[in-house]
């Protein structure tokens, strides 16, 4: 069993904001693979699904971004999931919109939900899939930027990015992080 935790903020106010792109990836996976609507458990929205022969738990922590690790830790403890079987999906305003960056470990890169997860689990050996939402315009405060909504011009790019992230998670679950990194890291494939 593996756990995919998509990070974001709960509630209508935060729907479709840049910070919630991790939720969007988990919701995309749930639409394709989950047979039920899930339930609130471990301070998060939790769904079970089957991807190929791999059982996946899809988690959207409802603790707000900066406390995401608490929900992830509770879920991992209950299901006895090791950090080797965890993938955190989150936004990254340091990466250009459309870019995916999958890594097996590393720093939080300033992403508060990932930072809390590393703190809660007491290790940075956590696979993460970052979705670029940047760059932050010079006149914007990064905190305001991540809580803003994508522009109408950005929405098509975001849909494509979420689709690619969905495919990257599926590859990670079935075939491992090395193959997923080689297939999906970087910007969108060139058209034509």
N, C-alpha and C. Protein backbone atom coordinates (compact mmCIF):
# COMPACT_ATOMS: atom_id res chain seq x y z
N UNK A 1 0.84 -1.19 0.00
CA UNK A 1 0.00 0.00 0.00
C UNK A 1 0.88 1.24 0.00
N UNK A 2 0.49 2.23 -0.81
CA UNK A 2 1.22 3.49 -0.90
C UNK A 2 0.28 4.65 -0.60
N UNK A 3 0.88 5.75 -0.19
CA UNK A 3 0.11 6.95 0.15
C UNK A 3 0.54 8.10 -0.75
N UNK A 4 -0.44 8.74 -1.39
CA UNK A 4 -0.22 9.95 -2.16
C UNK A 4 -0.94 11.08 -1.43
N UNK A 5 -0.18 12.05 -0.94
CA UNK A 5 -0.75 13.17 -0.21
C UNK A 5 -0.64 14.43 -1.07
N UNK A 6 -1.79 14.92 -1.51
CA UNK A 6 -1.84 16.17 -2.27
C UNK A 6 -2.09 17.30 -1.30
N UNK A 7 -1.26 18.34 -1.35
CA UNK A 7 -1.35 19.42 -0.38
C UNK A 7 -2.18 20.59 -0.90
N UNK A 8 -2.85 21.25 0.04
CA UNK A 8 -3.67 22.41 -0.28
C UNK A 8 -4.33 22.92 0.97
N UNK A 9 -5.30 23.82 0.79
CA UNK A 9 -6.07 24.37 1.89
C UNK A 9 -7.54 23.99 1.72
N UNK A 10 -8.22 23.61 2.80
CA UNK A 10 -9.62 23.22 2.68
C UNK A 10 -10.55 24.42 2.54
N UNK A 11 -11.73 24.17 2.02
CA UNK A 11 -12.78 25.19 1.97
C UNK A 11 -12.92 25.86 0.62
N UNK A 12 -14.13 26.36 0.37
CA UNK A 12 -14.49 27.00 -0.90
C UNK A 12 -13.58 28.18 -1.23
N UNK A 13 -13.20 28.93 -0.18
CA UNK A 13 -12.38 30.13 -0.37
C UNK A 13 -11.08 29.82 -1.12
N UNK A 14 -10.55 28.61 -0.94
CA UNK A 14 -9.25 28.27 -1.50
C UNK A 14 -9.32 27.40 -2.75
N UNK A 15 -10.53 27.02 -3.18
CA UNK A 15 -10.67 26.19 -4.37
C UNK A 15 -10.06 26.89 -5.57
N UNK A 16 -9.36 26.13 -6.39
CA UNK A 16 -8.76 26.62 -7.65
C UNK A 16 -7.67 27.66 -7.43
N UNK A 17 -7.13 27.77 -6.22
CA UNK A 17 -5.98 28.66 -6.01
C UNK A 17 -4.71 27.91 -6.40
N UNK A 18 -3.66 28.68 -6.62
CA UNK A 18 -2.38 28.08 -7.01
C UNK A 18 -1.87 27.10 -5.96
N UNK A 19 -2.08 27.43 -4.69
CA UNK A 19 -1.60 26.59 -3.59
C UNK A 19 -2.31 25.23 -3.55
N UNK A 20 -3.45 25.11 -4.20
CA UNK A 20 -4.25 23.88 -4.13
C UNK A 20 -4.06 22.94 -5.31
N UNK A 21 -3.03 23.14 -6.08
CA UNK A 21 -2.83 22.28 -7.25
C UNK A 21 -2.54 20.84 -6.83
N UNK A 22 -1.98 20.64 -5.63
CA UNK A 22 -1.78 19.28 -5.11
C UNK A 22 -3.11 18.57 -4.91
N UNK A 23 -4.11 19.29 -4.38
CA UNK A 23 -5.46 18.73 -4.25
C UNK A 23 -6.00 18.33 -5.61
N UNK A 24 -5.77 19.18 -6.63
CA UNK A 24 -6.31 18.91 -7.96
C UNK A 24 -5.76 17.60 -8.54
N UNK A 25 -4.49 17.32 -8.28
CA UNK A 25 -3.90 16.08 -8.78
C UNK A 25 -4.54 14.88 -8.10
N UNK A 26 -4.72 14.95 -6.79
CA UNK A 26 -5.35 13.85 -6.05
C UNK A 26 -6.80 13.66 -6.52
N UNK A 27 -7.51 14.75 -6.74
CA UNK A 27 -8.89 14.65 -7.21
C UNK A 27 -8.95 14.02 -8.60
N UNK A 28 -7.99 14.33 -9.45
CA UNK A 28 -7.91 13.73 -10.78
C UNK A 28 -7.71 12.21 -10.68
N UNK A 29 -6.80 11.80 -9.80
CA UNK A 29 -6.57 10.36 -9.58
C UNK A 29 -7.83 9.69 -9.04
N UNK A 30 -8.50 10.34 -8.10
CA UNK A 30 -9.71 9.77 -7.50
C UNK A 30 -10.81 9.58 -8.55
N UNK A 31 -10.95 10.57 -9.45
CA UNK A 31 -11.98 10.44 -10.49
C UNK A 31 -11.74 9.21 -11.36
N UNK A 32 -10.48 8.90 -11.63
CA UNK A 32 -10.20 7.75 -12.49
C UNK A 32 -10.19 6.43 -11.74
N UNK A 33 -9.67 6.41 -10.51
CA UNK A 33 -9.39 5.13 -9.87
C UNK A 33 -10.21 4.79 -8.63
N UNK A 34 -10.77 5.78 -7.95
CA UNK A 34 -11.48 5.49 -6.68
C UNK A 34 -12.91 5.05 -6.96
N UNK A 35 -13.36 4.10 -6.17
CA UNK A 35 -14.73 3.59 -6.36
C UNK A 35 -15.71 4.22 -5.38
N UNK A 36 -15.21 4.97 -4.40
CA UNK A 36 -16.11 5.65 -3.45
C UNK A 36 -15.67 7.09 -3.29
N UNK A 37 -16.51 7.88 -2.64
CA UNK A 37 -16.21 9.31 -2.46
C UNK A 37 -15.23 9.56 -1.33
N UNK A 38 -14.90 8.54 -0.56
CA UNK A 38 -13.95 8.71 0.52
C UNK A 38 -14.61 9.20 1.80
N UNK A 39 -13.76 9.52 2.77
CA UNK A 39 -14.28 9.93 4.08
C UNK A 39 -13.28 10.85 4.77
N UNK A 40 -13.76 11.57 5.78
CA UNK A 40 -12.88 12.39 6.59
C UNK A 40 -12.29 11.52 7.69
N UNK A 41 -10.96 11.47 7.71
CA UNK A 41 -10.26 10.63 8.69
C UNK A 41 -8.84 11.16 8.82
N UNK A 42 -8.28 11.11 10.01
CA UNK A 42 -6.91 11.57 10.25
C UNK A 42 -6.72 13.02 9.82
N UNK A 43 -7.72 13.86 10.10
CA UNK A 43 -7.68 15.29 9.76
C UNK A 43 -7.46 15.51 8.26
N UNK A 44 -7.99 14.59 7.46
CA UNK A 44 -7.87 14.73 6.02
C UNK A 44 -9.00 14.03 5.30
N UNK A 45 -9.11 14.28 4.02
CA UNK A 45 -10.06 13.55 3.18
C UNK A 45 -9.29 12.39 2.57
N UNK A 46 -9.77 11.16 2.83
CA UNK A 46 -9.04 9.95 2.48
C UNK A 46 -9.88 9.07 1.56
N UNK A 47 -9.25 8.61 0.46
CA UNK A 47 -9.90 7.69 -0.46
C UNK A 47 -8.94 6.55 -0.77
N UNK A 48 -9.50 5.36 -0.96
CA UNK A 48 -8.70 4.21 -1.37
C UNK A 48 -8.97 3.93 -2.83
N UNK A 49 -7.94 3.48 -3.54
CA UNK A 49 -8.13 3.11 -4.94
C UNK A 49 -7.09 2.08 -5.33
N UNK A 50 -7.30 1.53 -6.49
CA UNK A 50 -6.38 0.54 -7.05
C UNK A 50 -5.84 1.10 -8.36
N UNK A 51 -4.50 1.19 -8.47
CA UNK A 51 -3.84 1.64 -9.69
C UNK A 51 -3.04 0.43 -10.18
N UNK A 52 -3.51 -0.20 -11.23
CA UNK A 52 -2.93 -1.47 -11.66
C UNK A 52 -3.16 -2.48 -10.54
N UNK A 53 -2.09 -3.01 -10.00
CA UNK A 53 -2.22 -3.95 -8.87
C UNK A 53 -1.83 -3.29 -7.55
N UNK A 54 -1.53 -1.99 -7.60
CA UNK A 54 -1.06 -1.27 -6.42
C UNK A 54 -2.21 -0.56 -5.71
N UNK A 55 -2.37 -0.86 -4.41
CA UNK A 55 -3.38 -0.17 -3.61
C UNK A 55 -2.82 1.18 -3.18
N UNK A 56 -3.57 2.24 -3.50
CA UNK A 56 -3.15 3.60 -3.15
C UNK A 56 -4.15 4.23 -2.21
N UNK A 57 -3.65 4.97 -1.24
CA UNK A 57 -4.46 5.85 -0.42
C UNK A 57 -4.24 7.26 -0.96
N UNK A 58 -5.32 7.97 -1.20
CA UNK A 58 -5.25 9.35 -1.67
C UNK A 58 -5.68 10.25 -0.53
N UNK A 59 -4.80 11.14 -0.10
CA UNK A 59 -5.06 11.99 1.06
C UNK A 59 -4.98 13.45 0.68
N UNK A 60 -5.98 14.21 1.12
CA UNK A 60 -5.94 15.67 1.05
C UNK A 60 -6.06 16.18 2.49
N UNK A 61 -4.94 16.53 3.14
CA UNK A 61 -5.01 17.02 4.51
C UNK A 61 -5.94 18.23 4.61
N UNK A 62 -6.75 18.26 5.66
CA UNK A 62 -7.69 19.35 5.87
C UNK A 62 -7.23 20.27 7.01
N UNK A 63 -5.95 20.24 7.29
CA UNK A 63 -5.36 20.97 8.42
C UNK A 63 -4.88 22.36 8.02
N UNK A 64 -5.04 22.73 6.78
CA UNK A 64 -4.42 23.89 6.14
C UNK A 64 -2.96 23.54 5.85
N UNK A 65 -2.44 24.17 4.80
CA UNK A 65 -1.15 23.83 4.23
C UNK A 65 -0.04 23.68 5.27
N UNK A 66 0.09 24.66 6.16
CA UNK A 66 1.25 24.71 7.05
C UNK A 66 1.28 23.60 8.10
N UNK A 67 0.19 22.85 8.24
CA UNK A 67 0.14 21.73 9.20
C UNK A 67 -0.14 20.40 8.50
N UNK A 68 0.14 20.33 7.22
CA UNK A 68 -0.16 19.12 6.42
C UNK A 68 0.47 17.86 6.99
N UNK A 69 1.65 17.98 7.55
CA UNK A 69 2.37 16.81 8.05
C UNK A 69 1.64 16.06 9.14
N UNK A 70 0.84 16.77 9.90
CA UNK A 70 0.09 16.13 10.99
C UNK A 70 -0.87 15.07 10.46
N UNK A 71 -1.61 15.42 9.42
CA UNK A 71 -2.56 14.49 8.80
C UNK A 71 -1.81 13.33 8.13
N UNK A 72 -0.71 13.65 7.45
CA UNK A 72 0.08 12.62 6.77
C UNK A 72 0.65 11.64 7.79
N UNK A 73 1.19 12.15 8.89
CA UNK A 73 1.77 11.30 9.94
C UNK A 73 0.71 10.36 10.53
N UNK A 74 -0.47 10.88 10.83
CA UNK A 74 -1.54 10.04 11.40
C UNK A 74 -1.93 8.92 10.45
N UNK A 75 -2.04 9.25 9.17
CA UNK A 75 -2.43 8.25 8.16
C UNK A 75 -1.35 7.17 8.04
N UNK A 76 -0.10 7.60 7.99
CA UNK A 76 1.01 6.65 7.87
C UNK A 76 1.09 5.74 9.10
N UNK A 77 0.90 6.31 10.27
CA UNK A 77 0.95 5.51 11.50
C UNK A 77 -0.14 4.45 11.52
N UNK A 78 -1.36 4.85 11.16
CA UNK A 78 -2.49 3.92 11.21
C UNK A 78 -2.32 2.78 10.22
N UNK A 79 -1.91 3.09 9.01
CA UNK A 79 -1.78 2.08 7.96
C UNK A 79 -0.38 1.45 7.90
N UNK A 80 0.50 1.89 8.80
CA UNK A 80 1.88 1.37 8.86
C UNK A 80 2.59 1.50 7.50
N UNK A 81 2.51 2.70 6.95
CA UNK A 81 3.13 3.01 5.67
C UNK A 81 4.51 3.60 5.93
N UNK A 82 5.51 3.09 5.24
CA UNK A 82 6.87 3.61 5.41
C UNK A 82 7.06 4.84 4.52
N UNK A 83 8.08 5.63 4.84
CA UNK A 83 8.35 6.82 4.02
C UNK A 83 8.71 6.44 2.58
N UNK A 84 9.17 5.21 2.37
CA UNK A 84 9.47 4.74 1.01
C UNK A 84 8.21 4.67 0.14
N UNK A 85 7.06 4.57 0.78
CA UNK A 85 5.79 4.41 0.06
C UNK A 85 4.92 5.67 0.12
N UNK A 86 5.55 6.82 0.37
CA UNK A 86 4.85 8.10 0.45
C UNK A 86 5.28 8.99 -0.71
N UNK A 87 4.31 9.65 -1.33
CA UNK A 87 4.59 10.68 -2.33
C UNK A 87 3.77 11.92 -1.95
N UNK A 88 4.44 13.05 -1.78
CA UNK A 88 3.78 14.32 -1.48
C UNK A 88 3.70 15.12 -2.78
N UNK A 89 2.52 15.62 -3.10
CA UNK A 89 2.29 16.40 -4.32
C UNK A 89 1.94 17.83 -3.89
N UNK A 90 2.73 18.80 -4.37
CA UNK A 90 2.52 20.19 -3.92
C UNK A 90 2.92 21.19 -5.00
N UNK A 91 2.56 22.44 -4.75
CA UNK A 91 2.93 23.54 -5.64
C UNK A 91 4.35 24.00 -5.34
N UNK A 92 4.94 24.71 -6.30
CA UNK A 92 6.26 25.32 -6.10
C UNK A 92 6.34 26.58 -6.95
N UNK A 93 6.36 27.74 -6.29
CA UNK A 93 6.38 28.99 -7.06
C UNK A 93 7.77 29.34 -7.60
N UNK A 94 8.78 28.56 -7.24
CA UNK A 94 10.12 28.75 -7.79
C UNK A 94 10.24 28.12 -9.19
N UNK A 95 9.33 27.22 -9.53
CA UNK A 95 9.35 26.55 -10.83
C UNK A 95 8.34 27.22 -11.77
N UNK A 96 8.67 27.33 -13.05
CA UNK A 96 7.73 27.92 -14.00
C UNK A 96 6.47 27.07 -14.14
N UNK A 97 5.37 27.76 -14.38
CA UNK A 97 4.09 27.08 -14.62
C UNK A 97 4.26 26.04 -15.72
N UNK A 98 3.73 24.84 -15.49
CA UNK A 98 3.82 23.77 -16.48
C UNK A 98 4.92 22.77 -16.18
N UNK A 99 5.86 23.13 -15.29
CA UNK A 99 6.99 22.27 -14.97
C UNK A 99 6.63 21.28 -13.88
N UNK A 100 7.12 20.05 -14.02
CA UNK A 100 7.01 19.03 -12.97
C UNK A 100 8.42 18.71 -12.48
N UNK A 101 8.56 18.54 -11.18
CA UNK A 101 9.84 18.10 -10.63
C UNK A 101 9.58 17.03 -9.57
N UNK A 102 9.94 15.83 -9.91
CA UNK A 102 9.80 14.67 -9.03
C UNK A 102 11.17 14.34 -8.46
N UNK A 103 11.27 14.19 -7.15
CA UNK A 103 12.53 13.87 -6.48
C UNK A 103 12.27 12.85 -5.37
N UNK A 104 13.27 11.98 -5.10
CA UNK A 104 13.09 10.98 -4.04
C UNK A 104 13.31 11.54 -2.64
N UNK A 105 13.94 12.73 -2.52
CA UNK A 105 14.29 13.29 -1.21
C UNK A 105 14.77 14.72 -1.43
N UNK A 106 15.06 15.42 -0.32
CA UNK A 106 15.64 16.76 -0.42
C UNK A 106 15.02 17.73 0.55
N UNK A 107 15.37 19.00 0.36
CA UNK A 107 14.87 20.05 1.25
C UNK A 107 13.43 20.39 0.90
N UNK A 108 12.83 21.23 1.74
CA UNK A 108 11.44 21.65 1.48
C UNK A 108 11.36 22.74 0.44
N UNK A 109 12.48 23.40 0.12
CA UNK A 109 12.48 24.45 -0.90
C UNK A 109 11.57 25.61 -0.58
N UNK A 110 11.26 25.80 0.70
CA UNK A 110 10.38 26.90 1.09
C UNK A 110 8.90 26.58 1.04
N UNK A 111 8.55 25.36 0.66
CA UNK A 111 7.13 24.97 0.60
C UNK A 111 6.70 24.55 2.01
N UNK A 112 5.78 25.33 2.61
CA UNK A 112 5.45 25.17 4.03
C UNK A 112 4.80 23.82 4.37
N UNK A 113 3.97 23.30 3.49
CA UNK A 113 3.34 22.01 3.74
C UNK A 113 4.35 20.88 3.70
N UNK A 114 5.28 20.96 2.76
CA UNK A 114 6.35 19.97 2.67
C UNK A 114 7.28 20.11 3.88
N UNK A 115 7.55 21.34 4.30
CA UNK A 115 8.40 21.58 5.47
C UNK A 115 7.77 20.94 6.72
N UNK A 116 6.46 21.09 6.88
CA UNK A 116 5.80 20.51 8.05
C UNK A 116 5.82 18.98 7.97
N UNK A 117 5.69 18.43 6.78
CA UNK A 117 5.75 16.98 6.61
C UNK A 117 7.13 16.46 6.99
N UNK A 118 8.17 17.12 6.53
CA UNK A 118 9.55 16.73 6.88
C UNK A 118 9.74 16.82 8.40
N UNK A 119 9.22 17.87 9.00
CA UNK A 119 9.33 18.06 10.46
C UNK A 119 8.59 16.95 11.21
N UNK A 120 7.37 16.66 10.79
CA UNK A 120 6.56 15.63 11.47
C UNK A 120 7.18 14.24 11.33
N UNK A 121 7.67 13.92 10.14
CA UNK A 121 8.20 12.58 9.88
C UNK A 121 9.68 12.45 10.28
N UNK A 122 10.29 13.60 10.61
CA UNK A 122 11.69 13.63 11.06
C UNK A 122 12.66 13.06 10.01
N UNK A 123 12.35 13.31 8.75
CA UNK A 123 13.25 12.92 7.66
C UNK A 123 12.92 13.72 6.41
N UNK A 124 13.96 13.99 5.62
CA UNK A 124 13.72 14.62 4.32
C UNK A 124 13.78 13.58 3.19
N UNK A 125 13.82 12.31 3.57
CA UNK A 125 13.85 11.21 2.61
C UNK A 125 12.40 10.86 2.22
N UNK A 126 11.75 11.82 1.62
CA UNK A 126 10.34 11.73 1.24
C UNK A 126 10.23 12.09 -0.24
N UNK A 127 9.65 11.21 -1.03
CA UNK A 127 9.43 11.52 -2.45
C UNK A 127 8.44 12.65 -2.56
N UNK A 128 8.72 13.56 -3.49
CA UNK A 128 7.81 14.68 -3.69
C UNK A 128 7.70 15.00 -5.17
N UNK A 129 6.50 15.41 -5.55
CA UNK A 129 6.22 15.87 -6.90
C UNK A 129 5.78 17.32 -6.79
N UNK A 130 6.64 18.21 -7.28
CA UNK A 130 6.34 19.64 -7.23
C UNK A 130 5.79 20.08 -8.58
N UNK A 131 4.74 20.87 -8.55
CA UNK A 131 4.15 21.42 -9.76
C UNK A 131 4.44 22.92 -9.79
N UNK A 132 5.13 23.35 -10.84
CA UNK A 132 5.48 24.76 -10.95
C UNK A 132 4.25 25.63 -11.13
N UNK A 133 4.19 26.72 -10.36
CA UNK A 133 3.10 27.69 -10.48
C UNK A 133 3.65 29.09 -10.71
N UNK A 134 4.98 29.21 -10.86
CA UNK A 134 5.63 30.51 -10.96
C UNK A 134 5.78 30.98 -12.39
N UNK A 135 6.50 32.08 -12.52
CA UNK A 135 7.17 32.83 -11.47
C UNK A 135 6.24 33.81 -10.78
N UNK A 136 6.63 34.22 -9.58
CA UNK A 136 5.88 35.24 -8.84
C UNK A 136 6.23 36.60 -9.46
N UNK A 137 5.23 37.34 -9.93
CA UNK A 137 5.53 38.68 -10.48
C UNK A 137 6.20 39.56 -9.42
N UNK A 138 7.09 40.45 -9.85
CA UNK A 138 7.86 41.28 -8.92
C UNK A 138 6.99 42.05 -7.94
N UNK A 139 5.84 42.51 -8.42
CA UNK A 139 4.98 43.35 -7.55
C UNK A 139 4.14 42.54 -6.56
N UNK A 140 4.21 41.21 -6.64
CA UNK A 140 3.39 40.35 -5.78
C UNK A 140 4.18 39.87 -4.57
N UNK A 141 3.49 39.77 -3.45
CA UNK A 141 4.01 39.07 -2.28
C UNK A 141 3.78 37.58 -2.54
N UNK A 142 4.79 36.70 -2.36
CA UNK A 142 4.60 35.27 -2.64
C UNK A 142 3.41 34.65 -1.91
N UNK A 143 3.15 35.07 -0.65
CA UNK A 143 2.02 34.51 0.10
C UNK A 143 0.69 34.85 -0.57
N UNK A 144 0.57 36.07 -1.07
CA UNK A 144 -0.65 36.46 -1.79
C UNK A 144 -0.75 35.74 -3.13
N UNK A 145 0.39 35.58 -3.80
CA UNK A 145 0.42 34.94 -5.11
C UNK A 145 -0.10 33.50 -5.02
N UNK A 146 0.41 32.71 -4.06
CA UNK A 146 0.01 31.30 -3.99
C UNK A 146 -1.46 31.14 -3.62
N UNK A 147 -2.03 32.15 -2.94
CA UNK A 147 -3.44 32.08 -2.56
C UNK A 147 -4.35 32.69 -3.63
N UNK A 148 -3.75 33.18 -4.71
CA UNK A 148 -4.53 33.71 -5.82
C UNK A 148 -4.94 32.60 -6.78
N UNK A 149 -5.85 32.94 -7.68
CA UNK A 149 -6.32 31.96 -8.66
C UNK A 149 -5.53 32.13 -9.97
N UNK A 150 -5.48 31.04 -10.73
CA UNK A 150 -4.83 31.09 -12.03
C UNK A 150 -5.62 32.01 -12.96
N UNK A 151 -4.91 32.69 -13.84
CA UNK A 151 -5.58 33.55 -14.82
C UNK A 151 -6.26 32.66 -15.87
N UNK A 152 -7.17 33.24 -16.61
CA UNK A 152 -7.86 32.46 -17.65
C UNK A 152 -6.86 31.95 -18.69
N UNK A 153 -5.79 32.72 -18.96
CA UNK A 153 -4.78 32.29 -19.92
C UNK A 153 -3.98 31.10 -19.37
N UNK A 154 -3.82 31.02 -18.05
CA UNK A 154 -3.04 29.94 -17.44
C UNK A 154 -3.81 28.63 -17.29
N UNK A 155 -5.13 28.71 -17.31
CA UNK A 155 -5.96 27.54 -16.97
C UNK A 155 -5.72 26.33 -17.87
N UNK A 156 -5.53 26.54 -19.18
CA UNK A 156 -5.29 25.41 -20.08
C UNK A 156 -3.97 24.73 -19.73
N UNK A 157 -2.94 25.53 -19.47
CA UNK A 157 -1.63 25.01 -19.07
C UNK A 157 -1.74 24.20 -17.77
N UNK A 158 -2.54 24.72 -16.83
CA UNK A 158 -2.73 24.04 -15.54
C UNK A 158 -3.41 22.69 -15.75
N UNK A 159 -4.43 22.64 -16.59
CA UNK A 159 -5.12 21.36 -16.87
C UNK A 159 -4.14 20.34 -17.43
N UNK A 160 -3.29 20.78 -18.38
CA UNK A 160 -2.30 19.88 -18.96
C UNK A 160 -1.29 19.42 -17.90
N UNK A 161 -0.89 20.34 -17.04
CA UNK A 161 0.07 20.04 -16.00
C UNK A 161 -0.50 19.02 -15.00
N UNK A 162 -1.76 19.20 -14.61
CA UNK A 162 -2.41 18.26 -13.69
C UNK A 162 -2.52 16.88 -14.34
N UNK A 163 -2.83 16.84 -15.62
CA UNK A 163 -2.89 15.56 -16.34
C UNK A 163 -1.54 14.86 -16.33
N UNK A 164 -0.47 15.60 -16.62
CA UNK A 164 0.88 15.02 -16.60
C UNK A 164 1.26 14.57 -15.19
N UNK A 165 0.90 15.35 -14.18
CA UNK A 165 1.19 14.97 -12.79
C UNK A 165 0.44 13.70 -12.42
N UNK A 166 -0.81 13.58 -12.83
CA UNK A 166 -1.62 12.38 -12.63
C UNK A 166 -0.89 11.17 -13.21
N UNK A 167 -0.40 11.32 -14.44
CA UNK A 167 0.33 10.22 -15.10
C UNK A 167 1.65 9.91 -14.37
N UNK A 168 2.31 10.95 -13.86
CA UNK A 168 3.56 10.75 -13.12
C UNK A 168 3.32 9.97 -11.83
N UNK A 169 2.24 10.29 -11.14
CA UNK A 169 1.90 9.56 -9.90
C UNK A 169 1.59 8.11 -10.22
N UNK A 170 0.85 7.90 -11.28
CA UNK A 170 0.51 6.54 -11.71
C UNK A 170 1.78 5.74 -12.02
N UNK A 171 2.72 6.35 -12.72
CA UNK A 171 3.99 5.69 -13.04
C UNK A 171 4.78 5.41 -11.77
N UNK A 172 4.84 6.39 -10.84
CA UNK A 172 5.52 6.20 -9.56
C UNK A 172 4.93 4.99 -8.82
N UNK A 173 3.59 4.91 -8.77
CA UNK A 173 2.92 3.84 -8.03
C UNK A 173 3.21 2.47 -8.63
N UNK A 174 3.19 2.39 -9.95
CA UNK A 174 3.31 1.09 -10.61
C UNK A 174 4.75 0.69 -10.93
N UNK A 175 5.61 1.68 -11.22
CA UNK A 175 6.94 1.35 -11.75
C UNK A 175 8.10 2.03 -11.03
N UNK A 176 7.80 2.85 -10.04
CA UNK A 176 8.87 3.44 -9.24
C UNK A 176 9.25 4.86 -9.64
N UNK A 177 9.99 5.49 -8.74
CA UNK A 177 10.30 6.91 -8.90
C UNK A 177 11.32 7.17 -10.00
N UNK A 178 12.27 6.26 -10.21
CA UNK A 178 13.30 6.50 -11.22
C UNK A 178 12.69 6.64 -12.61
N UNK A 179 11.81 5.74 -12.96
CA UNK A 179 11.16 5.81 -14.27
C UNK A 179 10.26 7.05 -14.35
N UNK A 180 9.52 7.32 -13.28
CA UNK A 180 8.63 8.49 -13.28
C UNK A 180 9.43 9.78 -13.47
N UNK A 181 10.60 9.88 -12.82
CA UNK A 181 11.44 11.06 -12.97
C UNK A 181 11.92 11.21 -14.41
N UNK A 182 12.36 10.11 -14.99
CA UNK A 182 12.92 10.19 -16.34
C UNK A 182 11.84 10.54 -17.37
N UNK A 183 10.60 10.14 -17.11
CA UNK A 183 9.53 10.41 -18.08
C UNK A 183 8.86 11.77 -17.91
N UNK A 184 8.82 12.29 -16.67
CA UNK A 184 7.96 13.45 -16.43
C UNK A 184 8.66 14.71 -15.94
N UNK A 185 9.90 14.62 -15.47
CA UNK A 185 10.57 15.84 -14.99
C UNK A 185 10.78 16.82 -16.12
N UNK A 186 10.52 18.09 -15.84
CA UNK A 186 10.73 19.16 -16.81
C UNK A 186 9.42 19.79 -17.20
N UNK A 187 9.50 20.58 -18.25
CA UNK A 187 8.33 21.28 -18.76
C UNK A 187 7.48 20.38 -19.63
N UNK A 188 6.40 20.92 -20.15
CA UNK A 188 5.52 20.11 -21.00
C UNK A 188 6.24 19.70 -22.28
N UNK A 189 5.88 18.53 -22.83
CA UNK A 189 6.50 18.11 -24.09
C UNK A 189 6.20 19.13 -25.19
N UNK A 190 7.15 19.31 -26.07
CA UNK A 190 6.95 20.28 -27.17
C UNK A 190 5.87 19.77 -28.11
N UNK A 191 5.02 20.68 -28.54
CA UNK A 191 3.94 20.31 -29.48
C UNK A 191 4.55 20.04 -30.86
N UNK A 192 3.89 19.15 -31.60
CA UNK A 192 4.31 18.92 -32.97
C UNK A 192 5.14 17.68 -33.07
